Amino acid sequence: MSDGIALYREFIGGNERALRRLIDLYGRGLLRFIYGYVRDEGLAEDILSETFIQIYQKAYYFTFANSLVMATR
């Protein structure tokens, strides 16, 4: 199991520090990816922030059984 999946499982299990570790692990790469599309550093940072806010707010609804993550195992 990848570090990201394990951290996300910890996060949805109630460990909010795991989200911080996910941000540390994936934030920089996601920011570069987003910037490649929008070509505006401020906008890319806003989109990244909103992405992690949505992850935080919607974690309760996530199930691994319905995820692409399970399909790639």
PDB file of N, CA and C in Angstrom:
ATOM      1  N   MET A   1       0.858  -1.176   0.000  1.00  0.00           N
ATOM      2  CA  MET A   1       0.000   0.000   0.000  1.00  0.00           C
ATOM      3  C   MET A   1       0.902   1.235   0.000  1.00  0.00           C
ATOM      4  N   SER A   2       0.581   2.216  -0.833  1.00  0.00           N
ATOM      5  CA  SER A   2       1.415   3.411  -0.914  1.00  0.00           C
ATOM      6  C   SER A   2       1.273   4.251   0.346  1.00  0.00           C
ATOM      7  N   ASP A   3       2.263   5.102   0.581  1.00  0.00           N
ATOM      8  CA  ASP A   3       2.218   6.003   1.733  1.00  0.00           C
ATOM      9  C   ASP A   3       0.983   6.884   1.688  1.00  0.00           C
ATOM     10  N   GLY A   4       0.620   7.365   0.488  1.00  0.00           N
ATOM     11  CA  GLY A   4      -0.540   8.235   0.356  1.00  0.00           C
ATOM     12  C   GLY A   4      -1.832   7.553   0.752  1.00  0.00           C
ATOM     13  N   ILE A   5      -2.009   6.334   0.338  1.00  0.00           N
ATOM     14  CA  ILE A   5      -3.222   5.595   0.682  1.00  0.00           C
ATOM     15  C   ILE A   5      -3.269   5.344   2.182  1.00  0.00           C
ATOM     16  N   ALA A   6      -2.148   4.937   2.746  1.00  0.00           N
ATOM     17  CA  ALA A   6      -2.095   4.681   4.186  1.00  0.00           C
ATOM     18  C   ALA A   6      -2.390   5.958   4.968  1.00  0.00           C
ATOM     19  N   LEU A   7      -1.819   7.080   4.538  1.00  0.00           N
ATOM     20  CA  LEU A   7      -2.081   8.353   5.217  1.00  0.00           C
ATOM     21  C   LEU A   7      -3.542   8.754   5.085  1.00  0.00           C
ATOM     22  N   TYR A   8      -4.118   8.551   3.902  1.00  0.00           N
ATOM     23  CA  TYR A   8      -5.518   8.932   3.728  1.00  0.00           C
ATOM     24  C   TYR A   8      -6.425   8.056   4.592  1.00  0.00           C
ATOM     25  N   ARG A   9      -6.104   6.790   4.697  1.00  0.00           N
ATOM     26  CA  ARG A   9      -6.875   5.905   5.581  1.00  0.00           C
ATOM     27  C   ARG A   9      -6.786   6.389   7.031  1.00  0.00           C
ATOM     28  N   GLU A  10      -5.589   6.812   7.445  1.00  0.00           N
ATOM     29  CA  GLU A  10      -5.430   7.365   8.790  1.00  0.00           C
ATOM     30  C   GLU A  10      -6.281   8.614   8.960  1.00  0.00           C
ATOM     31  N   PHE A  11      -6.255   9.473   7.943  1.00  0.00           N
ATOM     32  CA  PHE A  11      -7.014  10.721   8.019  1.00  0.00           C
ATOM     33  C   PHE A  11      -8.517  10.459   8.127  1.00  0.00           C
ATOM     34  N   ILE A  12      -9.053   9.599   7.261  1.00  0.00           N
ATOM     35  CA  ILE A  12     -10.491   9.351   7.336  1.00  0.00           C
ATOM     36  C   ILE A  12     -10.858   8.569   8.594  1.00  0.00           C
ATOM     37  N   GLY A  13      -9.867   7.968   9.230  1.00  0.00           N
ATOM     38  CA  GLY A  13     -10.085   7.298  10.497  1.00  0.00           C
ATOM     39  C   GLY A  13     -10.031   8.248  11.689  1.00  0.00           C
ATOM     40  N   GLY A  14      -9.752   9.534  11.423  1.00  0.00           N
ATOM     41  CA  GLY A  14      -9.779  10.519  12.494  1.00  0.00           C
ATOM     42  C   GLY A  14      -8.454  11.180  12.829  1.00  0.00           C
ATOM     43  N   ASN A  15      -7.379  10.780  12.205  1.00  0.00           N
ATOM     44  CA  ASN A  15      -6.066  11.363  12.475  1.00  0.00           C
ATOM     45  C   ASN A  15      -5.857  12.582  11.567  1.00  0.00           C
ATOM     46  N   GLU A  16      -6.136  13.770  12.089  1.00  0.00           N
ATOM     47  CA  GLU A  16      -6.031  14.981  11.270  1.00  0.00           C
ATOM     48  C   GLU A  16      -4.580  15.326  10.931  1.00  0.00           C
ATOM     49  N   ARG A  17      -3.631  14.865  11.725  1.00  0.00           N
ATOM     50  CA  ARG A  17      -2.221  15.104  11.396  1.00  0.00           C
ATOM     51  C   ARG A  17      -1.822  14.392  10.103  1.00  0.00           C
ATOM     52  N   ALA A  18      -2.527  13.325   9.774  1.00  0.00           N
ATOM     53  CA  ALA A  18      -2.239  12.601   8.530  1.00  0.00           C
ATOM     54  C   ALA A  18      -2.523  13.479   7.319  1.00  0.00           C
ATOM     55  N   LEU A  19      -3.528  14.364   7.410  1.00  0.00           N
ATOM     56  CA  LEU A  19      -3.794  15.278   6.286  1.00  0.00           C
ATOM     57  C   LEU A  19      -2.613  16.217   6.085  1.00  0.00           C
ATOM     58  N   ARG A  20      -2.034  16.715   7.162  1.00  0.00           N
ATOM     59  CA  ARG A  20      -0.855  17.582   7.057  1.00  0.00           C
ATOM     60  C   ARG A  20       0.274  16.845   6.347  1.00  0.00           C
ATOM     61  N   ARG A  21       0.444  15.570   6.688  1.00  0.00           N
ATOM     62  CA  ARG A  21       1.486  14.765   6.051  1.00  0.00           C
ATOM     63  C   ARG A  21       1.170  14.531   4.576  1.00  0.00           C
ATOM     64  N   LEU A  22      -0.117  14.371   4.231  1.00  0.00           N
ATOM     65  CA  LEU A  22      -0.504  14.243   2.824  1.00  0.00           C
ATOM     66  C   LEU A  22      -0.185  15.519   2.056  1.00  0.00           C
ATOM     67  N   ILE A  23      -0.479  16.651   2.666  1.00  0.00           N
ATOM     68  CA  ILE A  23      -0.176  17.937   2.026  1.00  0.00           C
ATOM     69  C   ILE A  23       1.329  18.061   1.806  1.00  0.00           C
ATOM     70  N   ASP A  24       2.110  17.688   2.810  1.00  0.00           N
ATOM     71  CA  ASP A  24       3.569  17.734   2.674  1.00  0.00           C
ATOM     72  C   ASP A  24       4.057  16.795   1.572  1.00  0.00           C
ATOM     73  N   LEU A  25       3.429  15.634   1.472  1.00  0.00           N
ATOM     74  CA  LEU A  25       3.842  14.622   0.503  1.00  0.00           C
ATOM     75  C   LEU A  25       3.473  14.997  -0.933  1.00  0.00           C
ATOM     76  N   TYR A  26       2.247  15.526  -1.128  1.00  0.00           N
ATOM     77  CA  TYR A  26       1.739  15.745  -2.483  1.00  0.00           C
ATOM     78  C   TYR A  26       1.564  17.211  -2.887  1.00  0.00           C
ATOM     79  N   GLY A  27       1.604  18.123  -1.939  1.00  0.00           N
ATOM     80  CA  GLY A  27       1.289  19.519  -2.227  1.00  0.00           C
ATOM     81  C   GLY A  27       2.140  20.154  -3.318  1.00  0.00           C
ATOM     82  N   ARG A  28       3.436  20.012  -3.227  1.00  0.00           N
ATOM     83  CA  ARG A  28       4.336  20.658  -4.202  1.00  0.00           C
ATOM     84  C   ARG A  28       4.108  20.122  -5.620  1.00  0.00           C
ATOM     85  N   GLY A  29       3.986  18.806  -5.744  1.00  0.00           N
ATOM     86  CA  GLY A  29       3.755  18.208  -7.064  1.00  0.00           C
ATOM     87  C   GLY A  29       2.403  18.613  -7.637  1.00  0.00           C
ATOM     88  N   LEU A  30       1.378  18.647  -6.786  1.00  0.00           N
ATOM     89  CA  LEU A  30       0.055  19.083  -7.245  1.00  0.00           C
ATOM     90  C   LEU A  30       0.074  20.545  -7.660  1.00  0.00           C
ATOM     91  N   LEU A  31       0.811  21.360  -6.919  1.00  0.00           N
ATOM     92  CA  LEU A  31       0.902  22.776  -7.277  1.00  0.00           C
ATOM     93  C   LEU A  31       1.533  22.939  -8.654  1.00  0.00           C
ATOM     94  N   ARG A  32       2.583  22.207  -8.919  1.00  0.00           N
ATOM     95  CA  ARG A  32       3.223  22.272 -10.255  1.00  0.00           C
ATOM     96  C   ARG A  32       2.254  21.803 -11.337  1.00  0.00           C
ATOM     97  N   PHE A  33       1.519  20.740 -11.062  1.00  0.00           N
ATOM     98  CA  PHE A  33       0.547  20.212 -12.017  1.00  0.00           C
ATOM     99  C   PHE A  33      -0.523  21.256 -12.320  1.00  0.00           C
ATOM    100  N   ILE A  34      -1.080  21.852 -11.277  1.00  0.00           N
ATOM    101  CA  ILE A  34      -2.129  22.865 -11.448  1.00  0.00           C
ATOM    102  C   ILE A  34      -1.574  24.078 -12.190  1.00  0.00           C
ATOM    103  N   TYR A  35      -0.386  24.510 -11.806  1.00  0.00           N
ATOM    104  CA  TYR A  35       0.225  25.666 -12.465  1.00  0.00           C
ATOM    105  C   TYR A  35       0.399  25.419 -13.964  1.00  0.00           C
ATOM    106  N   GLY A  36       0.699  24.188 -14.336  1.00  0.00           N
ATOM    107  CA  GLY A  36       0.840  23.845 -15.748  1.00  0.00           C
ATOM    108  C   GLY A  36      -0.426  24.124 -16.549  1.00  0.00           C
ATOM    109  N   TYR A  37      -1.558  24.080 -15.904  1.00  0.00           N
ATOM    110  CA  TYR A  37      -2.832  24.370 -16.572  1.00  0.00           C
ATOM    111  C   TYR A  37      -3.219  25.842 -16.508  1.00  0.00           C
ATOM    112  N   VAL A  38      -3.035  26.464 -15.356  1.00  0.00           N
ATOM    113  CA  VAL A  38      -3.561  27.821 -15.193  1.00  0.00           C
ATOM    114  C   VAL A  38      -2.525  28.907 -15.449  1.00  0.00           C
ATOM    115  N   ARG A  39      -1.255  28.589 -15.378  1.00  0.00           N
ATOM    116  CA  ARG A  39      -0.166  29.538 -15.630  1.00  0.00           C
ATOM    117  C   ARG A  39      -0.270  30.823 -14.809  1.00  0.00           C
ATOM    118  N   ASP A  40      -0.765  30.680 -13.582  1.00  0.00           N
ATOM    119  CA  ASP A  40      -0.871  31.815 -12.661  1.00  0.00           C
ATOM    120  C   ASP A  40      -0.602  31.255 -11.264  1.00  0.00           C
ATOM    121  N   GLU A  41       0.512  31.685 -10.666  1.00  0.00           N
ATOM    122  CA  GLU A  41       0.934  31.106  -9.400  1.00  0.00           C
ATOM    123  C   GLU A  41      -0.101  31.306  -8.291  1.00  0.00           C
ATOM    124  N   GLY A  42      -0.653  32.496  -8.176  1.00  0.00           N
ATOM    125  CA  GLY A  42      -1.647  32.770  -7.146  1.00  0.00           C
ATOM    126  C   GLY A  42      -2.897  31.930  -7.319  1.00  0.00           C
ATOM    127  N   LEU A  43      -3.362  31.821  -8.555  1.00  0.00           N
ATOM    128  CA  LEU A  43      -4.545  31.011  -8.841  1.00  0.00           C
ATOM    129  C   LEU A  43      -4.264  29.540  -8.560  1.00  0.00           C
ATOM    130  N   ALA A  44      -3.087  29.076  -8.928  1.00  0.00           N
ATOM    131  CA  ALA A  44      -2.716  27.681  -8.669  1.00  0.00           C
ATOM    132  C   ALA A  44      -2.709  27.393  -7.168  1.00  0.00           C
ATOM    133  N   GLU A  45      -2.178  28.321  -6.378  1.00  0.00           N
ATOM    134  CA  GLU A  45      -2.172  28.142  -4.923  1.00  0.00           C
ATOM    135  C   GLU A  45      -3.596  28.124  -4.369  1.00  0.00           C
ATOM    136  N   ASP A  46      -4.453  28.988  -4.896  1.00  0.00           N
ATOM    137  CA  ASP A  46      -5.859  29.005  -4.457  1.00  0.00           C
ATOM    138  C   ASP A  46      -6.554  27.684  -4.777  1.00  0.00           C
ATOM    139  N   ILE A  47      -6.328  27.175  -5.974  1.00  0.00           N
ATOM    140  CA  ILE A  47      -6.944  25.909  -6.381  1.00  0.00           C
ATOM    141  C   ILE A  47      -6.439  24.771  -5.501  1.00  0.00           C
ATOM    142  N   LEU A  48      -5.144  24.760  -5.233  1.00  0.00           N
ATOM    143  CA  LEU A  48      -4.578  23.720  -4.374  1.00  0.00           C
ATOM    144  C   LEU A  48      -5.185  23.797  -2.973  1.00  0.00           C
ATOM    145  N   SER A  49      -5.267  24.988  -2.425  1.00  0.00           N
ATOM    146  CA  SER A  49      -5.867  25.156  -1.097  1.00  0.00           C
ATOM    147  C   SER A  49      -7.307  24.669  -1.082  1.00  0.00           C
ATOM    148  N   GLU A  50      -8.059  25.045  -2.091  1.00  0.00           N
ATOM    149  CA  GLU A  50      -9.463  24.631  -2.167  1.00  0.00           C
ATOM    150  C   GLU A  50      -9.575  23.113  -2.315  1.00  0.00           C
ATOM    151  N   THR A  51      -8.651  22.514  -3.025  1.00  0.00           N
ATOM    152  CA  THR A  51      -8.638  21.058  -3.185  1.00  0.00           C
ATOM    153  C   THR A  51      -8.484  20.367  -1.839  1.00  0.00           C
ATOM    154  N   PHE A  52      -7.523  20.826  -1.042  1.00  0.00           N
ATOM    155  CA  PHE A  52      -7.311  20.197   0.260  1.00  0.00           C
ATOM    156  C   PHE A  52      -8.438  20.522   1.232  1.00  0.00           C
ATOM    157  N   ILE A  53      -9.060  21.672   1.098  1.00  0.00           N
ATOM    158  CA  ILE A  53     -10.241  21.977   1.911  1.00  0.00           C
ATOM    159  C   ILE A  53     -11.363  20.999   1.578  1.00  0.00           C
ATOM    160  N   GLN A  54     -11.566  20.729   0.296  1.00  0.00           N
ATOM    161  CA  GLN A  54     -12.604  19.780  -0.112  1.00  0.00           C
ATOM    162  C   GLN A  54     -12.294  18.372   0.388  1.00  0.00           C
ATOM    163  N   ILE A  55     -11.039  17.989   0.339  1.00  0.00           N
ATOM    164  CA  ILE A  55     -10.643  16.683   0.866  1.00  0.00           C
ATOM    165  C   ILE A  55     -10.993  16.600   2.342  1.00  0.00           C
ATOM    166  N   TYR A  56     -10.689  17.661   3.076  1.00  0.00           N
ATOM    167  CA  TYR A  56     -10.988  17.693   4.506  1.00  0.00           C
ATOM    168  C   TYR A  56     -12.493  17.621   4.762  1.00  0.00           C
ATOM    169  N   GLN A  57     -13.251  18.422   4.030  1.00  0.00           N
ATOM    170  CA  GLN A  57     -14.686  18.498   4.264  1.00  0.00           C
ATOM    171  C   GLN A  57     -15.432  17.254   3.810  1.00  0.00           C
ATOM    172  N   LYS A  58     -14.939  16.553   2.815  1.00  0.00           N
ATOM    173  CA  LYS A  58     -15.676  15.430   2.242  1.00  0.00           C
ATOM    174  C   LYS A  58     -15.109  14.065   2.632  1.00  0.00           C
ATOM    175  N   ALA A  59     -14.131  14.049   3.512  1.00  0.00           N
ATOM    176  CA  ALA A  59     -13.504  12.781   3.900  1.00  0.00           C
ATOM    177  C   ALA A  59     -14.524  11.799   4.454  1.00  0.00           C
ATOM    178  N   TYR A  60     -15.526  12.287   5.141  1.00  0.00           N
ATOM    179  CA  TYR A  60     -16.555  11.434   5.735  1.00  0.00           C
ATOM    180  C   TYR A  60     -17.279  10.603   4.675  1.00  0.00           C
ATOM    181  N   TYR A  61     -17.414  11.137   3.465  1.00  0.00           N
ATOM    182  CA  TYR A  61     -18.178  10.478   2.401  1.00  0.00           C
ATOM    183  C   TYR A  61     -17.356   9.501   1.570  1.00  0.00           C
ATOM    184  N   PHE A  62     -16.051   9.516   1.735  1.00  0.00           N
ATOM    185  CA  PHE A  62     -15.171   8.714   0.895  1.00  0.00           C
ATOM    186  C   PHE A  62     -15.193   7.248   1.312  1.00  0.00           C
ATOM    187  N   THR A  63     -15.269   6.364   0.323  1.00  0.00           N
ATOM    188  CA  THR A  63     -15.100   4.934   0.586  1.00  0.00           C
ATOM    189  C   THR A  63     -14.103   4.377  -0.414  1.00  0.00           C
ATOM    190  N   PHE A  64     -13.207   3.547   0.063  1.00  0.00           N
ATOM    191  CA  PHE A  64     -12.217   2.961  -0.834  1.00  0.00           C
ATOM    192  C   PHE A  64     -12.851   1.986  -1.813  1.00  0.00           C
ATOM    193  N   ALA A  65     -13.973   1.416  -1.462  1.00  0.00           N
ATOM    194  CA  ALA A  65     -14.634   0.448  -2.341  1.00  0.00           C
ATOM    195  C   ALA A  65     -15.076   1.083  -3.653  1.00  0.00           C
ATOM    196  N   ASN A  66     -15.346   2.377  -3.656  1.00  0.00           N
ATOM    197  CA  ASN A  66     -15.817   3.071  -4.857  1.00  0.00           C
ATOM    198  C   ASN A  66     -14.760   3.958  -5.475  1.00  0.00           C
ATOM    199  N   SER A  67     -13.518   3.754  -5.134  1.00  0.00           N
ATOM    200  CA  SER A  67     -12.482   4.684  -5.582  1.00  0.00           C
ATOM    201  C   SER A  67     -11.636   4.114  -6.711  1.00  0.00           C
ATOM    202  N   LEU A  68     -11.025   5.014  -7.439  1.00  0.00           N
ATOM    203  CA  LEU A  68     -10.078   4.640  -8.488  1.00  0.00           C
ATOM    204  C   LEU A  68      -8.861   3.968  -7.855  1.00  0.00           C
ATOM    205  N   VAL A  69      -8.543   4.328  -6.618  1.00  0.00           N
ATOM    206  CA  VAL A  69      -7.417   3.736  -5.921  1.00  0.00           C
ATOM    207  C   VAL A  69      -7.549   2.224  -5.894  1.00  0.00           C
ATOM    208  N   MET A  70      -8.727   1.732  -5.621  1.00  0.00           N
ATOM    209  CA  MET A  70      -8.937   0.284  -5.573  1.00  0.00           C
ATOM    210  C   MET A  70      -8.753  -0.343  -6.959  1.00  0.00           C
ATOM    211  N   ALA A  71      -9.101   0.379  -7.990  1.00  0.00           N
ATOM    212  CA  ALA A  71      -8.998  -0.154  -9.348  1.00  0.00           C
ATOM    213  C   ALA A  71      -7.548  -0.275  -9.795  1.00  0.00           C
ATOM    214  N   THR A  72      -6.637   0.471  -9.164  1.00  0.00           N
ATOM    215  CA  THR A  72      -5.241   0.457  -9.583  1.00  0.00           C
ATOM    216  C   THR A  72      -4.391  -0.504  -8.772  1.00  0.00           C
ATOM    217  N   ARG A  73      -4.989  -1.220  -7.851  1.00  0.00           N
ATOM    218  CA  ARG A  73      -4.226  -2.166  -7.024  1.00  0.00           C
ATOM    219  C   ARG A  73      -3.811  -3.374  -7.802  1.00  0.00           C
TER     220      ARG A  73
END
